[in-house]
């Protein structure tokens, strides 16, 4: 055929497999949390690497000073050597790879900031270059939190009038101690404020505020107030109590509020 020619297909270059590769999850961690580093080492040499180890370092700081090793499946043994954490993978023939999954716990005193995770494939007879991995962010610890649970009880007694005494109980379920706890109680229309213990009536309202300066984890505190039924009081009398202030923040607001219902059969007869 005249004018026909053969054109060679372009060759596509294949990237060489790196001697070490890492995947970190998550990349942002807080003191006390755990994270994983999946490290795959590859022998690109024609000879066998003996005594092979997957090695990890911190570029800007010493990795062993900020982490505790939890586990390292894929390695027959793991240890700390100087500024590195290493997982033994044994003999690795040319062209073969090994994978180690390190799980670390970030120490409670780890400094806030960022560091570059470095990694390396090391053998007794040959060591590959140290490679830079991803940047890991150490975030500040989460602020302390506590769980305050509020309950409300009511008892009624009557002579010439029916008096209801409300008792507010607050319990600290932790994990942190609480300070500056304020409880707010509200009594229904048809009742007249009588007295209180540890609470202050808010003028012009049917509410009282009850302060607890400090409440340790596992501790409880009670505050109470009383109100009298009017002669024409009838039907359901619903009172409430709730946490309206505390330090640190309450982690479970679902149990911060309680209600209690009493029933006025007459102004002189109330049942709770």
Protein backbone atom coordinates (compact mmCIF):
# COMPACT_ATOMS: atom_id res chain seq x y z
CA UNK A 1 0.00 0.00 0.00
CA UNK A 2 1.30 3.39 -1.01
CA UNK A 3 1.70 5.95 1.78
CA UNK A 4 0.87 3.49 4.56
CA UNK A 5 3.01 3.70 7.69
CA UNK A 6 3.03 2.08 11.07
CA UNK A 7 2.76 4.33 14.13
CA UNK A 8 3.98 2.92 17.42
CA UNK A 9 1.55 3.22 20.34
CA UNK A 10 2.82 5.59 23.06
CA UNK A 11 4.24 3.90 26.13
CA UNK A 12 2.58 4.74 29.43
CA UNK A 13 5.04 5.01 32.29
CA UNK A 14 4.09 3.11 35.43
CA UNK A 15 4.98 4.79 38.69
CA UNK A 16 7.23 2.74 40.88
CA UNK A 17 5.66 1.49 44.08
CA UNK A 18 7.02 3.52 47.01
CA UNK A 19 9.16 1.80 49.61
CA UNK A 20 6.68 2.97 52.26
CA UNK A 21 3.17 4.41 52.18
CA UNK A 22 0.88 5.40 55.05
CA UNK A 23 -2.80 6.11 55.57
CA UNK A 24 -3.74 7.94 58.78
CA UNK A 25 -7.26 8.05 60.26
CA UNK A 26 -8.34 10.46 61.55
CA UNK A 27 -5.95 13.29 60.75
CA UNK A 28 -7.27 15.50 63.58
CA UNK A 29 -7.10 14.05 67.07
CA UNK A 30 -7.44 15.22 70.66
CA UNK A 31 -5.56 14.11 73.76
CA UNK A 32 -6.87 10.76 74.97
CA UNK A 33 -8.23 9.76 71.55
CA UNK A 34 -6.91 6.96 69.35
CA UNK A 35 -5.90 6.97 65.69
CA UNK A 36 -4.57 4.41 63.23
CA UNK A 37 -1.63 4.44 60.86
CA UNK A 38 -1.77 1.81 58.13
CA UNK A 39 1.78 1.44 56.78
CA UNK A 40 2.68 -0.66 53.75
CA UNK A 41 6.35 -1.30 53.04
CA UNK A 42 7.60 -2.57 49.68
CA UNK A 43 10.92 -4.08 48.65
CA UNK A 44 11.84 -2.72 45.21
CA UNK A 45 15.30 -4.31 45.34
CA UNK A 46 16.33 -7.54 43.67
CA UNK A 47 17.52 -9.02 46.95
CA UNK A 48 15.69 -9.98 50.14
CA UNK A 49 15.44 -7.48 52.98
CA UNK A 50 16.25 -9.24 56.24
CA UNK A 51 14.95 -8.13 59.63
CA UNK A 52 12.51 -5.76 57.95
CA UNK A 53 10.68 -3.16 60.01
CA UNK A 54 8.00 -0.56 59.30
CA UNK A 55 9.20 2.61 61.02
CA UNK A 56 7.32 5.77 62.02
CA UNK A 57 8.69 9.14 63.20
CA UNK A 58 7.50 12.64 64.01
CA UNK A 59 9.35 15.24 61.93
CA UNK A 60 8.96 18.20 64.28
CA UNK A 61 8.85 16.23 67.53
CA UNK A 62 9.57 12.77 68.90
CA UNK A 63 6.63 10.47 68.17
CA UNK A 64 7.07 8.26 71.30
CA UNK A 65 6.78 11.33 73.55
CA UNK A 66 3.21 12.05 72.44
CA UNK A 67 1.69 8.63 71.69
CA UNK A 68 1.14 5.31 73.41
CA UNK A 69 1.16 2.20 71.22
CA UNK A 70 -2.10 0.25 71.59
CA UNK A 71 -1.70 -2.49 68.97
CA UNK A 72 0.09 -3.32 65.71
CA UNK A 73 -1.51 -6.24 63.83
CA UNK A 74 0.52 -7.29 60.81
CA UNK A 75 3.80 -7.11 62.74
CA UNK A 76 5.28 -9.99 64.73
CA UNK A 77 6.55 -7.47 67.30
CA UNK A 78 6.47 -3.72 67.86
CA UNK A 79 8.79 -1.55 69.91
CA UNK A 80 10.06 1.97 70.47
CA UNK A 81 13.62 2.67 69.40
CA UNK A 82 14.87 6.18 70.06
CA UNK A 83 12.52 8.59 68.33
CA UNK A 84 10.79 5.91 66.25
CA UNK A 85 8.06 3.31 66.61
CA UNK A 86 8.77 0.13 64.66
CA UNK A 87 6.83 -2.96 63.63
CA UNK A 88 8.79 -6.04 62.63
CA UNK A 89 7.82 -7.68 59.34
CA UNK A 90 10.72 -10.17 58.97
CA UNK A 91 12.18 -11.12 55.59
CA UNK A 92 10.72 -9.37 52.56
CA UNK A 93 11.77 -10.75 49.18
CA UNK A 94 12.27 -8.50 46.16
CA UNK A 95 8.94 -7.23 44.82
CA UNK A 96 7.03 -8.18 47.98
CA UNK A 97 5.14 -5.92 50.41
CA UNK A 98 4.03 -6.08 54.03
CA UNK A 99 1.37 -4.06 55.89
CA UNK A 100 1.23 -3.10 59.57
CA UNK A 101 -1.73 -1.32 61.18
CA UNK A 102 -0.56 0.75 64.15
CA UNK A 103 -3.14 2.00 66.65
CA UNK A 104 -1.98 4.82 68.89
CA UNK A 105 -3.49 6.70 71.81
CA UNK A 106 -2.57 10.37 71.94
CA UNK A 107 -1.16 11.16 75.37
CA UNK A 108 -3.09 13.52 77.65
CA UNK A 109 -0.22 16.03 77.71
CA UNK A 110 0.38 16.07 73.95
CA UNK A 111 0.92 19.68 72.79
CA UNK A 112 -1.69 21.35 70.63
CA UNK A 113 -0.47 21.95 67.08
CA UNK A 114 0.61 20.03 63.99
CA UNK A 115 3.37 17.60 63.10
CA UNK A 116 4.41 15.70 60.01
CA UNK A 117 4.34 11.92 60.28
CA UNK A 118 7.40 10.38 58.65
CA UNK A 119 7.75 6.73 57.64
CA UNK A 120 10.46 4.36 56.47
CA UNK A 121 11.15 0.76 55.49
CA UNK A 122 14.21 -0.39 57.44
CA UNK A 123 16.10 -3.68 57.20
CA UNK A 124 19.17 -5.16 58.80
CA UNK A 125 20.93 -5.24 55.44
CA UNK A 126 19.34 -2.20 53.76
CA UNK A 127 17.38 0.93 54.72
CA UNK A 128 15.19 2.92 52.36
CA UNK A 129 14.85 6.69 52.61
CA UNK A 130 12.68 8.42 55.20
CA UNK A 131 9.53 9.79 53.56
CA UNK A 132 7.24 12.61 54.67
CA UNK A 133 3.67 11.53 55.30
CA UNK A 134 0.54 13.53 56.10
CA UNK A 135 0.34 16.38 58.57
CA UNK A 136 -1.51 15.40 61.75
CA UNK A 137 -3.35 18.05 63.78
CA UNK A 138 -3.51 17.81 67.57
CA UNK A 139 -6.65 19.69 68.58
CA UNK A 140 -7.29 21.16 72.05
CA UNK A 141 -9.00 18.88 74.57
CA UNK A 142 -12.77 19.12 74.66
CA UNK A 143 -14.02 21.32 77.50
CA UNK A 144 -15.08 19.49 80.61
CA UNK A 145 -18.76 18.60 80.75
CA UNK A 146 -21.12 17.28 83.38
CA UNK A 147 -24.63 15.84 83.51
CA UNK A 148 -27.00 17.35 86.07
CA UNK A 149 -30.30 15.55 86.62
CA UNK A 150 -33.23 17.43 88.17
CA UNK A 151 -36.23 15.90 89.95
CA UNK A 152 -39.21 17.50 91.72
CA UNK A 153 -41.30 16.14 94.58
CA UNK A 154 -44.40 17.63 96.22
CA UNK A 155 -46.20 16.98 99.50
CA UNK A 156 -49.44 18.56 100.65
CA UNK A 157 -50.85 19.09 104.12
CA UNK A 158 -53.88 21.04 105.22
CA UNK A 159 -55.40 22.57 108.32
CA UNK A 160 -57.07 25.88 107.66
CA UNK A 161 -55.36 25.99 104.25
CA UNK A 162 -53.63 23.44 102.04
CA UNK A 163 -49.89 23.99 101.80
CA UNK A 164 -47.77 22.29 99.15
CA UNK A 165 -44.07 21.89 99.81
CA UNK A 166 -41.98 21.36 96.69
CA UNK A 167 -38.54 19.75 96.96
CA UNK A 168 -36.11 20.12 94.07
CA UNK A 169 -33.27 17.62 93.91
CA UNK A 170 -30.28 17.97 91.59
CA UNK A 171 -27.80 15.13 91.11
CA UNK A 172 -24.40 15.40 89.42
CA UNK A 173 -23.81 12.34 87.25
CA UNK A 174 -20.36 13.64 86.21
CA UNK A 175 -17.85 13.27 84.87
CA UNK A 176 -16.86 16.78 86.01
CA UNK A 177 -17.69 18.67 89.19
CA UNK A 178 -20.20 21.50 88.76
CA UNK A 179 -20.22 25.02 90.14
CA UNK A 180 -22.63 27.92 89.97
CA UNK A 181 -25.69 25.68 89.68
CA UNK A 182 -28.97 27.57 89.53
CA UNK A 183 -32.35 25.86 89.71
CA UNK A 184 -35.58 27.63 88.86
CA UNK A 185 -38.89 26.47 90.27
CA UNK A 186 -42.30 27.63 89.11
CA UNK A 187 -45.61 27.09 90.93
CA UNK A 188 -49.02 27.35 89.25
CA UNK A 189 -51.68 30.02 89.36
CA UNK A 190 -54.01 29.48 92.29
CA UNK A 191 -51.14 29.12 94.76
CA UNK A 192 -49.65 31.82 96.97
CA UNK A 193 -45.96 31.75 97.90
CA UNK A 194 -45.43 30.88 101.58
CA UNK A 195 -41.77 30.16 102.35
CA UNK A 196 -38.55 28.62 101.07
CA UNK A 197 -35.33 26.92 102.14
CA UNK A 198 -32.36 27.79 99.98
CA UNK A 199 -34.50 29.54 97.36
CA UNK A 200 -35.44 33.14 96.62
CA UNK A 201 -38.78 34.24 95.22
CA UNK A 202 -38.56 36.42 92.12
CA UNK A 203 -40.75 39.44 92.85
CA UNK A 204 -43.87 39.77 90.72
CA UNK A 205 -43.67 36.19 89.44
CA UNK A 206 -44.61 32.67 90.50
CA UNK A 207 -41.00 31.51 90.32
CA UNK A 208 -38.15 30.96 92.73
CA UNK A 209 -34.41 30.64 92.09
CA UNK A 210 -32.35 28.15 94.09
CA UNK A 211 -28.55 28.28 93.98
CA UNK A 212 -26.07 25.48 94.64
CA UNK A 213 -22.55 26.94 94.73
CA UNK A 214 -20.75 23.64 94.09
CA UNK A 215 -21.79 20.06 93.39
CA UNK A 216 -19.19 17.29 93.17
CA UNK A 217 -19.51 14.31 90.87
CA UNK A 218 -21.91 11.79 92.42
CA UNK A 219 -23.32 14.31 94.92
CA UNK A 220 -26.90 15.56 95.29
CA UNK A 221 -28.39 18.75 96.68
CA UNK A 222 -31.96 19.69 97.62
CA UNK A 223 -33.78 22.97 97.82
CA UNK A 224 -37.41 23.52 98.78
CA UNK A 225 -40.20 26.09 98.75
CA UNK A 226 -43.85 26.11 99.83
CA UNK A 227 -47.04 27.64 98.45
CA UNK A 228 -50.59 27.77 99.83
CA UNK A 229 -53.72 26.93 97.89
CA UNK A 230 -56.38 29.63 97.67
CA UNK A 231 -59.93 28.85 98.75
CA UNK A 232 -61.09 28.72 95.13
CA UNK A 233 -58.24 26.54 93.88
CA UNK A 234 -59.58 23.60 91.88
CA UNK A 235 -58.21 21.06 89.42
CA UNK A 236 -54.64 20.27 88.36
CA UNK A 237 -51.79 22.27 89.82
CA UNK A 238 -48.64 21.75 87.74
CA UNK A 239 -45.28 22.90 89.08
CA UNK A 240 -41.91 22.74 87.32
CA UNK A 241 -38.23 22.78 88.22
CA UNK A 242 -35.26 23.09 85.89
CA UNK A 243 -31.56 23.75 85.74
CA UNK A 244 -31.05 27.16 84.22
CA UNK A 245 -27.34 27.72 84.87
CA UNK A 246 -24.19 25.75 85.71
CA UNK A 247 -20.50 25.45 84.90
CA UNK A 248 -19.29 23.55 82.90
CA UNK A 249 -21.97 23.04 80.28
CA UNK A 250 -24.51 20.30 80.86
CA UNK A 251 -23.94 17.42 78.44
CA UNK A 252 -27.49 16.01 78.71
CA UNK A 253 -30.18 18.72 78.80
CA UNK A 254 -32.92 16.10 78.45
CA UNK A 255 -32.97 15.52 82.22
CA UNK A 256 -32.62 19.16 83.26
CA UNK A 257 -36.35 19.70 83.79
CA UNK A 258 -39.00 18.01 85.93
CA UNK A 259 -42.71 18.54 86.60
CA UNK A 260 -45.06 17.53 89.38
CA UNK A 261 -48.88 17.66 89.37
CA UNK A 262 -51.09 18.04 92.40
CA UNK A 263 -54.88 18.11 92.37
CA UNK A 264 -57.01 20.56 94.32
CA UNK A 265 -60.39 18.99 95.15
CA UNK A 266 -61.24 22.11 97.16
CA UNK A 267 -59.19 24.95 98.52
CA UNK A 268 -58.77 22.91 101.70
CA UNK A 269 -58.09 19.53 100.14
CA UNK A 270 -55.10 19.06 97.86
CA UNK A 271 -53.53 15.75 96.89
CA UNK A 272 -50.06 15.27 95.43
